[in-house]
Amino acid sequence: MTPAFAKYEGLGNDFVVLDAPGGLLPSADLVRAVCDRHFGVGADGVLVVGPPRSAGARASMTVLNADGSRPEMCGNGLRCVAVHLAAAGGDASFVVDTDAGPRACRVEAGAVEIDMGRLRDEGPIELDLDGEALTFARVSAGNPHAITFAPLGAGALARVGPAVATHPAFPAGTNVELARVEGSGISLVVWERGVGPTLACGTGACATVGAACLAGLAPFDTWVDVALPGGHLAVRVARDDLAATMRGPARRVFAGTLA
């Protein structure tokens, strides 16, 4: 694998992008070292751009979290990979294979629209967190999400996020979303499995809008504004099949070579 890399961010959710034409993945130790914000490049994860896995796809994306674990999908990461591929030339619309399946991308002037696939409603769950009962909607966006619309105070993410992400009810872990409906939009903070609090989460935004639509808190088939600490995403969820579409920015920050 070439030691050259590019640093990208999507709403402050930042990644080191590595091109791997042969499909070779870096070790978990290397991923942790690269993502370290004091002794490495610094990132929420590493995105490995490899050869396509399905007919008609342009490339594949493998996501490796900052702790070295491998999640199924990353919406902000896919926007970054889409901008990375578009900068290399060719059609601005293409398909990228992910561990959650192929995803169609369209890049327009730094903004990326992605077909995020069908959300899956896995039903609600009530968890007891140190004597506090909270109900979470469980929605898969190719990766697991636990979403609550409970009115929680400032600083709740640091307390609720890790407790739910590693709760025995989720043997493989889960991403955790604390959401609040505000007017026609949603305010959201996310604790990402294998990373911790991040400035944005694309799959989390999609799962949260899906949960809000199912609960009657947001409209189906309409763009819903999702405000995250790093900025805004637009998400639309179809009523008939829960297919999600996400639109938002991504940009290249700098490039370099790993020592």
C-alpha atoms as a PDB file:
ATOM      1  CA  MET A   1       0.000   0.000   0.000  1.00  0.00           C
ATOM      2  CA  THR A   2       1.299   3.447  -0.916  1.00  0.00           C
ATOM      3  CA  PRO A   3       2.185   5.651   2.085  1.00  0.00           C
ATOM      4  CA  ALA A   4       0.583   8.665   0.389  1.00  0.00           C
ATOM      5  CA  PHE A   5      -2.675   9.865   1.923  1.00  0.00           C
ATOM      6  CA  ALA A   6      -5.254  12.629   1.646  1.00  0.00           C
ATOM      7  CA  LYS A   7      -7.126  14.179   4.566  1.00  0.00           C
ATOM      8  CA  TYR A   8     -10.842  14.878   4.049  1.00  0.00           C
ATOM      9  CA  GLU A   9     -13.667  16.141   6.205  1.00  0.00           C
ATOM     10  CA  GLY A  10     -17.441  16.120   5.968  1.00  0.00           C
ATOM     11  CA  LEU A  11     -18.988  18.531   8.491  1.00  0.00           C
ATOM     12  CA  GLY A  12     -15.940  18.095  10.707  1.00  0.00           C
ATOM     13  CA  ASN A  13     -16.141  14.282  10.641  1.00  0.00           C
ATOM     14  CA  ASP A  14     -12.571  13.782   9.398  1.00  0.00           C
ATOM     15  CA  PHE A  15     -10.833  10.913   7.651  1.00  0.00           C
ATOM     16  CA  VAL A  16      -7.522   9.797   6.226  1.00  0.00           C
ATOM     17  CA  VAL A  17      -8.126   8.426   2.729  1.00  0.00           C
ATOM     18  CA  LEU A  18      -5.753   5.790   1.389  1.00  0.00           C
ATOM     19  CA  ASP A  19      -5.788   4.479  -2.172  1.00  0.00           C
ATOM     20  CA  ALA A  20      -5.283   0.713  -2.298  1.00  0.00           C
ATOM     21  CA  PRO A  21      -5.542  -0.531  -5.904  1.00  0.00           C
ATOM     22  CA  GLY A  22      -4.643  -4.025  -4.721  1.00  0.00           C
ATOM     23  CA  GLY A  23      -7.253  -3.981  -1.960  1.00  0.00           C
ATOM     24  CA  LEU A  24      -4.719  -4.348   0.876  1.00  0.00           C
ATOM     25  CA  LEU A  25      -5.987  -2.987   4.204  1.00  0.00           C
ATOM     26  CA  PRO A  26      -3.768  -1.381   6.855  1.00  0.00           C
ATOM     27  CA  SER A  27      -3.405  -3.108  10.202  1.00  0.00           C
ATOM     28  CA  ALA A  28      -5.457  -2.020  13.202  1.00  0.00           C
ATOM     29  CA  ASP A  29      -2.243  -0.795  14.848  1.00  0.00           C
ATOM     30  CA  LEU A  30      -1.457   1.421  11.870  1.00  0.00           C
ATOM     31  CA  VAL A  31      -5.002   2.791  11.811  1.00  0.00           C
ATOM     32  CA  ARG A  32      -4.818   3.713  15.492  1.00  0.00           C
ATOM     33  CA  ALA A  33      -1.426   5.370  14.981  1.00  0.00           C
ATOM     34  CA  VAL A  34      -2.590   7.370  11.955  1.00  0.00           C
ATOM     35  CA  CYS A  35      -5.794   8.523  13.684  1.00  0.00           C
ATOM     36  CA  ASP A  36      -4.014   9.629  16.855  1.00  0.00           C
ATOM     37  CA  ARG A  37      -4.472  13.398  17.046  1.00  0.00           C
ATOM     38  CA  HIS A  38      -1.241  13.999  18.946  1.00  0.00           C
ATOM     39  CA  PHE A  39       1.263  11.601  17.376  1.00  0.00           C
ATOM     40  CA  GLY A  40      -0.369  10.834  14.012  1.00  0.00           C
ATOM     41  CA  VAL A  41      -2.297  12.607  11.271  1.00  0.00           C
ATOM     42  CA  GLY A  42      -5.462  12.738  13.380  1.00  0.00           C
ATOM     43  CA  ALA A  43      -8.837  11.475  12.190  1.00  0.00           C
ATOM     44  CA  ASP A  44     -12.093   9.809  13.166  1.00  0.00           C
ATOM     45  CA  GLY A  45     -11.183   6.943  10.854  1.00  0.00           C
ATOM     46  CA  VAL A  46      -9.355   5.672   7.801  1.00  0.00           C
ATOM     47  CA  LEU A  47     -11.120   5.167   4.462  1.00  0.00           C
ATOM     48  CA  VAL A  48      -9.484   2.673   2.132  1.00  0.00           C
ATOM     49  CA  VAL A  49     -10.412   3.144  -1.536  1.00  0.00           C
ATOM     50  CA  GLY A  50      -9.974  -0.191  -3.296  1.00  0.00           C
ATOM     51  CA  PRO A  51     -11.044  -1.949  -6.480  1.00  0.00           C
ATOM     52  CA  PRO A  52     -14.782  -2.403  -7.168  1.00  0.00           C
ATOM     53  CA  ARG A  53     -16.494  -5.543  -5.908  1.00  0.00           C
ATOM     54  CA  SER A  54     -19.580  -5.472  -8.105  1.00  0.00           C
ATOM     55  CA  ALA A  55     -20.280  -4.964 -11.803  1.00  0.00           C
ATOM     56  CA  GLY A  56     -20.639  -1.311 -12.721  1.00  0.00           C
ATOM     57  CA  ALA A  57     -19.084   0.096  -9.547  1.00  0.00           C
ATOM     58  CA  ARG A  58     -16.189   2.539  -9.825  1.00  0.00           C
ATOM     59  CA  ALA A  59     -14.424   1.601  -6.578  1.00  0.00           C
ATOM     60  CA  SER A  60     -14.951   0.184  -3.102  1.00  0.00           C
ATOM     61  CA  MET A  61     -14.739   1.862   0.293  1.00  0.00           C
ATOM     62  CA  THR A  62     -13.646   0.109   3.476  1.00  0.00           C
ATOM     63  CA  VAL A  63     -14.120   2.047   6.707  1.00  0.00           C
ATOM     64  CA  LEU A  64     -11.769   1.565   9.654  1.00  0.00           C
ATOM     65  CA  ASN A  65     -12.654   3.375  12.865  1.00  0.00           C
ATOM     66  CA  ALA A  66     -10.094   5.238  14.962  1.00  0.00           C
ATOM     67  CA  ASP A  67      -9.897   2.247  17.319  1.00  0.00           C
ATOM     68  CA  GLY A  68      -9.080  -0.084  14.401  1.00  0.00           C
ATOM     69  CA  SER A  69     -12.522  -1.699  14.220  1.00  0.00           C
ATOM     70  CA  ARG A  70     -14.349  -2.098  10.914  1.00  0.00           C
ATOM     71  CA  PRO A  71     -17.923  -0.739  10.736  1.00  0.00           C
ATOM     72  CA  GLU A  72     -20.266  -1.587   7.899  1.00  0.00           C
ATOM     73  CA  MET A  73     -20.844   1.902   6.571  1.00  0.00           C
ATOM     74  CA  CYS A  74     -20.068   5.610   6.989  1.00  0.00           C
ATOM     75  CA  GLY A  75     -22.162   8.256   5.261  1.00  0.00           C
ATOM     76  CA  ASN A  76     -19.815  11.197   5.814  1.00  0.00           C
ATOM     77  CA  GLY A  77     -16.909   8.991   4.805  1.00  0.00           C
ATOM     78  CA  LEU A  78     -18.649   7.998   1.584  1.00  0.00           C
ATOM     79  CA  ARG A  79     -19.166  11.646   0.679  1.00  0.00           C
ATOM     80  CA  CYS A  80     -15.435  12.185   1.189  1.00  0.00           C
ATOM     81  CA  VAL A  81     -14.578   9.183  -0.973  1.00  0.00           C
ATOM     82  CA  ALA A  82     -16.986  10.413  -3.641  1.00  0.00           C
ATOM     83  CA  VAL A  83     -15.222  13.814  -3.768  1.00  0.00           C
ATOM     84  CA  HIS A  84     -11.861  12.002  -3.819  1.00  0.00           C
ATOM     85  CA  LEU A  85     -12.924   9.875  -6.807  1.00  0.00           C
ATOM     86  CA  ALA A  86     -14.548  12.770  -8.658  1.00  0.00           C
ATOM     87  CA  ALA A  87     -11.331  14.805  -8.347  1.00  0.00           C
ATOM     88  CA  ALA A  88      -9.532  12.047 -10.273  1.00  0.00           C
ATOM     89  CA  GLY A  89     -11.755  12.742 -13.284  1.00  0.00           C
ATOM     90  CA  GLY A  90     -14.498  10.877 -15.049  1.00  0.00           C
ATOM     91  CA  ASP A  91     -18.245  10.910 -14.554  1.00  0.00           C
ATOM     92  CA  ALA A  92     -19.575  12.828 -11.559  1.00  0.00           C
ATOM     93  CA  SER A  93     -22.168  10.093 -10.943  1.00  0.00           C
ATOM     94  CA  PHE A  94     -20.978   6.621 -10.001  1.00  0.00           C
ATOM     95  CA  VAL A  95     -21.431   3.689  -7.644  1.00  0.00           C
ATOM     96  CA  VAL A  96     -19.133   2.856  -4.716  1.00  0.00           C
ATOM     97  CA  ASP A  97     -19.220  -0.592  -3.128  1.00  0.00           C
ATOM     98  CA  THR A  98     -19.332  -0.616   0.689  1.00  0.00           C
ATOM     99  CA  ASP A  99     -19.617  -3.319   3.327  1.00  0.00           C
ATOM    100  CA  ALA A 100     -23.324  -2.386   3.492  1.00  0.00           C
ATOM    101  CA  GLY A 101     -23.750  -2.783  -0.285  1.00  0.00           C
ATOM    102  CA  PRO A 102     -23.324  -0.586  -3.364  1.00  0.00           C
ATOM    103  CA  ARG A 103     -24.200   3.095  -2.998  1.00  0.00           C
ATOM    104  CA  ALA A 104     -24.910   5.528  -5.844  1.00  0.00           C
ATOM    105  CA  CYS A 105     -23.162   8.913  -5.525  1.00  0.00           C
ATOM    106  CA  ARG A 106     -23.451  12.191  -7.397  1.00  0.00           C
ATOM    107  CA  VAL A 107     -20.932  15.017  -6.872  1.00  0.00           C
ATOM    108  CA  GLU A 108     -21.836  18.617  -7.679  1.00  0.00           C
ATOM    109  CA  ALA A 109     -19.507  21.492  -6.746  1.00  0.00           C
ATOM    110  CA  GLY A 110     -18.321  20.014  -3.461  1.00  0.00           C
ATOM    111  CA  ALA A 111     -21.760  18.761  -2.424  1.00  0.00           C
ATOM    112  CA  VAL A 112     -22.548  15.071  -2.623  1.00  0.00           C
ATOM    113  CA  GLU A 113     -25.913  13.338  -2.875  1.00  0.00           C
ATOM    114  CA  ILE A 114     -25.930   9.655  -1.947  1.00  0.00           C
ATOM    115  CA  ASP A 115     -28.487   6.905  -2.214  1.00  0.00           C
ATOM    116  CA  MET A 116     -28.043   5.464   1.279  1.00  0.00           C
ATOM    117  CA  GLY A 117     -30.156   2.365   0.668  1.00  0.00           C
ATOM    118  CA  ARG A 118     -33.168   1.185   2.631  1.00  0.00           C
ATOM    119  CA  LEU A 119     -33.347   1.813   6.338  1.00  0.00           C
ATOM    120  CA  ARG A 120     -34.516  -1.082   8.490  1.00  0.00           C
ATOM    121  CA  ASP A 121     -36.798  -0.517  11.468  1.00  0.00           C
ATOM    122  CA  GLU A 122     -35.742  -2.950  14.192  1.00  0.00           C
ATOM    123  CA  GLY A 123     -38.237  -1.779  16.798  1.00  0.00           C
ATOM    124  CA  PRO A 124     -37.935   0.140  20.057  1.00  0.00           C
ATOM    125  CA  ILE A 125     -35.997  -0.909  23.128  1.00  0.00           C
ATOM    126  CA  GLU A 126     -36.138   0.410  26.682  1.00  0.00           C
ATOM    127  CA  LEU A 127     -32.875   0.504  28.603  1.00  0.00           C
ATOM    128  CA  ASP A 128     -32.243   1.125  32.282  1.00  0.00           C
ATOM    129  CA  LEU A 129     -29.237   3.432  32.615  1.00  0.00           C
ATOM    130  CA  ASP A 130     -28.355   3.767  36.285  1.00  0.00           C
ATOM    131  CA  GLY A 131     -31.998   3.865  37.285  1.00  0.00           C
ATOM    132  CA  GLU A 132     -33.087   6.076  34.378  1.00  0.00           C
ATOM    133  CA  ALA A 133     -35.397   4.351  31.847  1.00  0.00           C
ATOM    134  CA  LEU A 134     -34.888   5.575  28.273  1.00  0.00           C
ATOM    135  CA  THR A 135     -36.589   4.351  25.111  1.00  0.00           C
ATOM    136  CA  PHE A 136     -34.533   4.087  21.927  1.00  0.00           C
ATOM    137  CA  ALA A 137     -35.655   3.474  18.369  1.00  0.00           C
ATOM    138  CA  ARG A 138     -33.423   0.916  16.685  1.00  0.00           C
ATOM    139  CA  VAL A 139     -32.850   1.677  13.012  1.00  0.00           C
ATOM    140  CA  SER A 140     -30.234   0.159  10.712  1.00  0.00           C
ATOM    141  CA  ALA A 141     -28.703   2.312   7.985  1.00  0.00           C
ATOM    142  CA  GLY A 142     -26.410  -0.524   6.947  1.00  0.00           C
ATOM    143  CA  ASN A 143     -24.954  -0.154  10.449  1.00  0.00           C
ATOM    144  CA  PRO A 144     -26.764  -0.108  13.822  1.00  0.00           C
ATOM    145  CA  HIS A 145     -28.229   2.999  15.465  1.00  0.00           C
ATOM    146  CA  ALA A 146     -30.059   3.587  18.738  1.00  0.00           C
ATOM    147  CA  ILE A 147     -31.982   6.874  18.689  1.00  0.00           C
ATOM    148  CA  THR A 148     -33.810   8.669  21.469  1.00  0.00           C
ATOM    149  CA  PHE A 149     -35.934  11.803  21.321  1.00  0.00           C
ATOM    150  CA  ALA A 150     -36.088  12.029  25.118  1.00  0.00           C
ATOM    151  CA  PRO A 151     -35.456  15.544  26.485  1.00  0.00           C
ATOM    152  CA  LEU A 152     -31.974  15.187  27.920  1.00  0.00           C
ATOM    153  CA  GLY A 153     -29.873  18.003  29.307  1.00  0.00           C
ATOM    154  CA  ALA A 154     -26.521  19.355  28.189  1.00  0.00           C
ATOM    155  CA  GLY A 155     -23.676  16.900  28.574  1.00  0.00           C
ATOM    156  CA  ALA A 156     -25.967  13.862  28.303  1.00  0.00           C
ATOM    157  CA  LEU A 157     -24.057  12.436  25.341  1.00  0.00           C
ATOM    158  CA  ALA A 158     -20.930  11.789  27.435  1.00  0.00           C
ATOM    159  CA  ARG A 159     -23.036   9.850  29.927  1.00  0.00           C
ATOM    160  CA  VAL A 160     -25.563   8.082  27.693  1.00  0.00           C
ATOM    161  CA  GLY A 161     -23.416   7.506  24.591  1.00  0.00           C
ATOM    162  CA  PRO A 162     -20.820   5.032  25.894  1.00  0.00           C
ATOM    163  CA  ALA A 163     -23.336   3.312  28.186  1.00  0.00           C
ATOM    164  CA  VAL A 164     -25.670   2.503  25.297  1.00  0.00           C
ATOM    165  CA  ALA A 165     -22.965   1.870  22.677  1.00  0.00           C
ATOM    166  CA  THR A 166     -21.551  -0.965  24.789  1.00  0.00           C
ATOM    167  CA  HIS A 167     -24.814  -2.139  26.413  1.00  0.00           C
ATOM    168  CA  PRO A 168     -25.345  -5.931  26.501  1.00  0.00           C
ATOM    169  CA  ALA A 169     -28.518  -5.380  24.464  1.00  0.00           C
ATOM    170  CA  PHE A 170     -26.196  -4.629  21.528  1.00  0.00           C
ATOM    171  CA  PRO A 171     -23.640  -7.468  21.400  1.00  0.00           C
ATOM    172  CA  ALA A 172     -21.893  -5.914  18.381  1.00  0.00           C
ATOM    173  CA  GLY A 173     -22.202  -2.388  19.766  1.00  0.00           C
ATOM    174  CA  THR A 174     -24.252   0.433  18.313  1.00  0.00           C
ATOM    175  CA  ASN A 175     -24.063   4.068  17.325  1.00  0.00           C
ATOM    176  CA  VAL A 176     -26.078   6.324  19.635  1.00  0.00           C
ATOM    177  CA  GLU A 177     -28.104   9.382  18.627  1.00  0.00           C
ATOM    178  CA  LEU A 178     -29.646  11.969  20.948  1.00  0.00           C
ATOM    179  CA  ALA A 179     -32.155  13.908  18.863  1.00  0.00           C
ATOM    180  CA  ARG A 180     -34.486  16.836  19.293  1.00  0.00           C
ATOM    181  CA  VAL A 181     -37.170  17.934  16.817  1.00  0.00           C
ATOM    182  CA  GLU A 182     -36.964  21.679  16.278  1.00  0.00           C
ATOM    183  CA  GLY A 183     -39.572  23.163  13.933  1.00  0.00           C
ATOM    184  CA  SER A 184     -39.272  21.394  10.595  1.00  0.00           C
ATOM    185  CA  GLY A 185     -35.778  20.084  11.351  1.00  0.00           C
ATOM    186  CA  ILE A 186     -33.871  17.899  13.789  1.00  0.00           C
ATOM    187  CA  SER A 187     -30.975  18.772  16.101  1.00  0.00           C
ATOM    188  CA  LEU A 188     -28.659  15.811  16.637  1.00  0.00           C
ATOM    189  CA  VAL A 189     -25.556  14.719  18.535  1.00  0.00           C
ATOM    190  CA  VAL A 190     -23.936  11.337  17.963  1.00  0.00           C
ATOM    191  CA  TRP A 191     -21.721   8.891  19.828  1.00  0.00           C
ATOM    192  CA  GLU A 192     -20.121   6.730  17.153  1.00  0.00           C
ATOM    193  CA  ARG A 193     -19.282   3.128  17.878  1.00  0.00           C
ATOM    194  CA  GLY A 194     -15.508   2.718  17.890  1.00  0.00           C
ATOM    195  CA  VAL A 195     -14.864   6.465  17.808  1.00  0.00           C
ATOM    196  CA  GLY A 196     -16.813   8.397  20.454  1.00  0.00           C
ATOM    197  CA  PRO A 197     -18.471  11.805  19.992  1.00  0.00           C
ATOM    198  CA  THR A 198     -18.082  13.151  16.453  1.00  0.00           C
ATOM    199  CA  LEU A 199     -19.057  16.429  14.849  1.00  0.00           C
ATOM    200  CA  ALA A 200     -21.302  14.654  12.345  1.00  0.00           C
ATOM    201  CA  CYS A 201     -22.561  11.222  11.311  1.00  0.00           C
ATOM    202  CA  GLY A 202     -24.232  10.642   7.937  1.00  0.00           C
ATOM    203  CA  THR A 203     -25.735   7.242   8.671  1.00  0.00           C
ATOM    204  CA  GLY A 204     -26.838   8.545  12.071  1.00  0.00           C
ATOM    205  CA  ALA A 205     -28.632  11.466  10.429  1.00  0.00           C
ATOM    206  CA  CYS A 206     -30.413   9.097   8.036  1.00  0.00           C
ATOM    207  CA  ALA A 207     -31.390   6.657  10.796  1.00  0.00           C
ATOM    208  CA  THR A 208     -32.659   9.520  12.964  1.00  0.00           C
ATOM    209  CA  VAL A 209     -34.807  11.018  10.204  1.00  0.00           C
ATOM    210  CA  GLY A 210     -36.158   7.532   9.517  1.00  0.00           C
ATOM    211  CA  ALA A 211     -37.023   7.081  13.204  1.00  0.00           C
ATOM    212  CA  ALA A 212     -38.658  10.524  13.298  1.00  0.00           C
ATOM    213  CA  CYS A 213     -40.746   9.747  10.203  1.00  0.00           C
ATOM    214  CA  LEU A 214     -41.876   6.418  11.646  1.00  0.00           C
ATOM    215  CA  ALA A 215     -42.860   8.158  14.895  1.00  0.00           C
ATOM    216  CA  GLY A 216     -44.787  10.897  13.085  1.00  0.00           C
ATOM    217  CA  LEU A 217     -42.288  13.561  14.126  1.00  0.00           C
ATOM    218  CA  ALA A 218     -41.081  14.340  10.582  1.00  0.00           C
ATOM    219  CA  PRO A 219     -42.617  13.973   7.107  1.00  0.00           C
ATOM    220  CA  PHE A 220     -41.780  11.186   4.685  1.00  0.00           C
ATOM    221  CA  ASP A 221     -40.692  12.018   1.108  1.00  0.00           C
ATOM    222  CA  THR A 222     -39.482  15.499   2.130  1.00  0.00           C
ATOM    223  CA  TRP A 223     -35.998  16.885   2.686  1.00  0.00           C
ATOM    224  CA  VAL A 224     -35.446  17.231   6.437  1.00  0.00           C
ATOM    225  CA  ASP A 225     -32.682  19.481   7.758  1.00  0.00           C
ATOM    226  CA  VAL A 226     -30.456  17.768  10.332  1.00  0.00           C
ATOM    227  CA  ALA A 227     -28.320  20.125  12.424  1.00  0.00           C
ATOM    228  CA  LEU A 228     -25.168  18.482  13.779  1.00  0.00           C
ATOM    229  CA  PRO A 229     -22.312  20.105  15.708  1.00  0.00           C
ATOM    230  CA  GLY A 230     -20.268  20.255  12.481  1.00  0.00           C
ATOM    231  CA  GLY A 231     -23.015  21.609  10.230  1.00  0.00           C
ATOM    232  CA  HIS A 232     -26.157  20.601   8.364  1.00  0.00           C
ATOM    233  CA  LEU A 233     -27.210  17.589   6.291  1.00  0.00           C
ATOM    234  CA  ALA A 234     -30.389  17.156   4.268  1.00  0.00           C
ATOM    235  CA  VAL A 235     -32.049  13.726   4.474  1.00  0.00           C
ATOM    236  CA  ARG A 236     -35.127  12.372   2.709  1.00  0.00           C
ATOM    237  CA  VAL A 237     -36.786   9.051   3.573  1.00  0.00           C
ATOM    238  CA  ALA A 238     -39.320   7.376   1.279  1.00  0.00           C
ATOM    239  CA  ARG A 239     -42.572   6.237   2.840  1.00  0.00           C
ATOM    240  CA  ASP A 240     -43.023   3.101   0.736  1.00  0.00           C
ATOM    241  CA  ASP A 241     -39.661   1.396   1.319  1.00  0.00           C
ATOM    242  CA  LEU A 242     -37.696   3.584   3.805  1.00  0.00           C
ATOM    243  CA  ALA A 243     -35.076   4.342   1.158  1.00  0.00           C
ATOM    244  CA  ALA A 244     -32.885   7.196   2.406  1.00  0.00           C
ATOM    245  CA  THR A 245     -31.137   9.895   0.404  1.00  0.00           C
ATOM    246  CA  MET A 246     -28.529  12.159   1.977  1.00  0.00           C
ATOM    247  CA  ARG A 247     -27.085  15.421   0.692  1.00  0.00           C
ATOM    248  CA  GLY A 248     -24.182  17.362   2.193  1.00  0.00           C
ATOM    249  CA  PRO A 249     -20.659  18.763   1.735  1.00  0.00           C
ATOM    250  CA  ALA A 250     -17.227  17.157   1.812  1.00  0.00           C
ATOM    251  CA  ARG A 251     -13.806  18.600   1.059  1.00  0.00           C
ATOM    252  CA  ARG A 252     -10.163  17.731   0.792  1.00  0.00           C
ATOM    253  CA  VAL A 253      -8.101  19.420   3.511  1.00  0.00           C
ATOM    254  CA  PHE A 254      -4.517  18.411   2.697  1.00  0.00           C
ATOM    255  CA  ALA A 255      -2.360  15.561   1.435  1.00  0.00           C
ATOM    256  CA  GLY A 256       0.861  14.049   2.674  1.00  0.00           C
ATOM    257  CA  THR A 257       2.988  10.953   3.091  1.00  0.00           C
ATOM    258  CA  LEU A 258       2.980   8.605   6.071  1.00  0.00           C
ATOM    259  CA  ALA A 259       6.328   8.122   7.731  1.00  0.00           C
END
